Amino acid sequence: MYVNRILVLGIVLALMAFPLLADWLTSDYSAWYRPYAIWVLIIAFTWWAYRSRHPDEL
């Protein structure tokens, strides 16, 4: 099974930055769309990481 190195690196960086992101998302003066913006970034990164893969390689 092929593991995408960029995706693994992104997951590791996200785990390292999780405390900072949690404080940023739960602050009292945060915008309502912050959690949605994070999810859009995650989905866009995943799409970008797998866009060049052929369906038979999954």
N, C-alpha and C. Protein backbone atom coordinates (compact mmCIF):
# COMPACT_ATOMS: atom_id res chain seq x y z
N MET A 1 0.84 -1.18 0.00
CA MET A 1 0.00 0.00 0.00
C MET A 1 0.88 1.24 0.00
N TYR A 2 0.58 2.17 -0.88
CA TYR A 2 1.36 3.39 -1.01
C TYR A 2 0.84 4.44 -0.02
N VAL A 3 1.75 5.02 0.75
CA VAL A 3 1.40 6.08 1.69
C VAL A 3 1.99 7.38 1.15
N ASN A 4 1.14 8.36 0.94
CA ASN A 4 1.58 9.64 0.41
C ASN A 4 2.38 10.39 1.49
N ARG A 5 3.62 10.71 1.19
CA ARG A 5 4.50 11.35 2.17
C ARG A 5 4.03 12.75 2.54
N ILE A 6 3.49 13.48 1.57
CA ILE A 6 3.02 14.83 1.86
C ILE A 6 1.82 14.79 2.80
N LEU A 7 0.95 13.81 2.60
CA LEU A 7 -0.21 13.68 3.47
C LEU A 7 0.21 13.31 4.89
N VAL A 8 1.16 12.42 5.03
CA VAL A 8 1.66 12.05 6.35
C VAL A 8 2.32 13.25 7.02
N LEU A 9 3.10 14.01 6.27
CA LEU A 9 3.73 15.21 6.82
C LEU A 9 2.68 16.21 7.27
N GLY A 10 1.63 16.38 6.49
CA GLY A 10 0.55 17.29 6.88
C GLY A 10 -0.14 16.85 8.15
N ILE A 11 -0.36 15.56 8.30
CA ILE A 11 -1.00 15.04 9.51
C ILE A 11 -0.10 15.26 10.72
N VAL A 12 1.19 15.01 10.58
CA VAL A 12 2.12 15.21 11.69
C VAL A 12 2.17 16.68 12.09
N LEU A 13 2.23 17.57 11.11
CA LEU A 13 2.24 19.00 11.41
C LEU A 13 0.94 19.44 12.07
N ALA A 14 -0.18 18.88 11.63
CA ALA A 14 -1.46 19.22 12.25
C ALA A 14 -1.51 18.76 13.70
N LEU A 15 -0.97 17.58 13.98
CA LEU A 15 -0.94 17.09 15.36
C LEU A 15 -0.04 17.95 16.24
N MET A 16 1.05 18.43 15.68
CA MET A 16 1.95 19.30 16.45
C MET A 16 1.32 20.66 16.71
N ALA A 17 0.53 21.15 15.77
CA ALA A 17 -0.07 22.47 15.90
C ALA A 17 -1.47 22.42 16.52
N PHE A 18 -1.93 21.25 16.91
CA PHE A 18 -3.29 21.11 17.42
C PHE A 18 -3.59 22.00 18.63
N PRO A 19 -2.72 22.09 19.65
CA PRO A 19 -3.05 22.96 20.79
C PRO A 19 -3.25 24.43 20.37
N LEU A 20 -2.41 24.92 19.49
CA LEU A 20 -2.56 26.29 19.02
C LEU A 20 -3.86 26.46 18.23
N LEU A 21 -4.17 25.49 17.38
CA LEU A 21 -5.41 25.55 16.60
C LEU A 21 -6.64 25.46 17.50
N ALA A 22 -6.58 24.64 18.53
CA ALA A 22 -7.72 24.50 19.43
C ALA A 22 -7.99 25.81 20.17
N ASP A 23 -6.95 26.47 20.64
CA ASP A 23 -7.13 27.77 21.29
C ASP A 23 -7.66 28.81 20.31
N TRP A 24 -7.17 28.78 19.08
CA TRP A 24 -7.60 29.75 18.07
C TRP A 24 -9.07 29.55 17.71
N LEU A 25 -9.49 28.29 17.61
CA LEU A 25 -10.87 28.01 17.22
C LEU A 25 -11.87 28.29 18.34
N THR A 26 -11.45 28.14 19.58
CA THR A 26 -12.38 28.27 20.70
C THR A 26 -12.28 29.61 21.41
N SER A 27 -11.54 30.55 20.87
CA SER A 27 -11.44 31.86 21.52
C SER A 27 -12.80 32.56 21.48
N ASP A 28 -13.01 33.45 22.44
CA ASP A 28 -14.30 34.12 22.56
C ASP A 28 -14.61 35.05 21.39
N TYR A 29 -13.58 35.62 20.81
CA TYR A 29 -13.79 36.60 19.74
C TYR A 29 -13.55 36.01 18.36
N SER A 30 -13.77 34.72 18.22
CA SER A 30 -13.52 34.08 16.93
C SER A 30 -14.73 34.24 16.00
N ALA A 31 -14.45 34.23 14.73
CA ALA A 31 -15.51 34.32 13.73
C ALA A 31 -16.24 32.97 13.65
N TRP A 32 -17.50 33.02 13.24
CA TRP A 32 -18.31 31.80 13.19
C TRP A 32 -17.82 30.82 12.14
N TYR A 33 -17.10 31.31 11.14
CA TYR A 33 -16.70 30.45 10.02
C TYR A 33 -15.32 29.82 10.21
N ARG A 34 -14.65 30.06 11.30
CA ARG A 34 -13.31 29.49 11.49
C ARG A 34 -13.28 27.96 11.41
N PRO A 35 -14.16 27.25 12.11
CA PRO A 35 -14.11 25.77 11.99
C PRO A 35 -14.35 25.30 10.56
N TYR A 36 -15.24 25.99 9.85
CA TYR A 36 -15.52 25.61 8.47
C TYR A 36 -14.32 25.90 7.56
N ALA A 37 -13.62 26.98 7.84
CA ALA A 37 -12.42 27.30 7.06
C ALA A 37 -11.35 26.24 7.24
N ILE A 38 -11.20 25.74 8.46
CA ILE A 38 -10.22 24.68 8.72
C ILE A 38 -10.60 23.42 7.94
N TRP A 39 -11.88 23.05 7.95
CA TRP A 39 -12.32 21.86 7.22
C TRP A 39 -12.15 22.03 5.72
N VAL A 40 -12.40 23.21 5.20
CA VAL A 40 -12.19 23.46 3.77
C VAL A 40 -10.72 23.30 3.43
N LEU A 41 -9.83 23.80 4.28
CA LEU A 41 -8.40 23.64 4.04
C LEU A 41 -7.98 22.17 4.07
N ILE A 42 -8.52 21.41 5.00
CA ILE A 42 -8.19 19.98 5.08
C ILE A 42 -8.68 19.25 3.83
N ILE A 43 -9.90 19.53 3.41
CA ILE A 43 -10.44 18.87 2.22
C ILE A 43 -9.66 19.28 0.98
N ALA A 44 -9.31 20.56 0.86
CA ALA A 44 -8.55 21.03 -0.30
C ALA A 44 -7.16 20.40 -0.32
N PHE A 45 -6.52 20.27 0.82
CA PHE A 45 -5.20 19.65 0.89
C PHE A 45 -5.27 18.18 0.49
N THR A 46 -6.30 17.49 0.96
CA THR A 46 -6.46 16.08 0.61
C THR A 46 -6.72 15.91 -0.88
N TRP A 47 -7.57 16.77 -1.44
CA TRP A 47 -7.82 16.71 -2.88
C TRP A 47 -6.54 16.97 -3.65
N TRP A 48 -5.77 17.96 -3.23
CA TRP A 48 -4.51 18.30 -3.91
C TRP A 48 -3.52 17.14 -3.84
N ALA A 49 -3.47 16.47 -2.70
CA ALA A 49 -2.53 15.37 -2.52
C ALA A 49 -2.88 14.17 -3.40
N TYR A 50 -4.15 13.96 -3.68
CA TYR A 50 -4.58 12.78 -4.43
C TYR A 50 -5.07 13.09 -5.84
N ARG A 51 -4.91 14.28 -6.33
CA ARG A 51 -5.46 14.65 -7.63
C ARG A 51 -4.77 13.95 -8.79
N SER A 52 -3.50 13.59 -8.64
CA SER A 52 -2.78 12.97 -9.76
C SER A 52 -2.82 11.44 -9.72
N ARG A 53 -3.47 10.87 -8.73
CA ARG A 53 -3.55 9.41 -8.63
C ARG A 53 -4.65 8.88 -9.52
N HIS A 54 -4.41 7.79 -10.19
CA HIS A 54 -5.42 7.15 -11.01
C HIS A 54 -6.32 6.29 -10.13
N PRO A 55 -7.58 6.10 -10.51
CA PRO A 55 -8.49 5.32 -9.67
C PRO A 55 -8.01 3.89 -9.40
N ASP A 56 -7.28 3.30 -10.32
CA ASP A 56 -6.82 1.93 -10.09
C ASP A 56 -5.61 1.87 -9.16
N GLU A 57 -5.03 3.01 -8.80
CA GLU A 57 -3.90 3.04 -7.88
C GLU A 57 -4.33 3.23 -6.44
N LEU A 58 -5.60 3.50 -6.21
CA LEU A 58 -6.07 3.70 -4.85
C LEU A 58 -6.16 2.36 -4.17
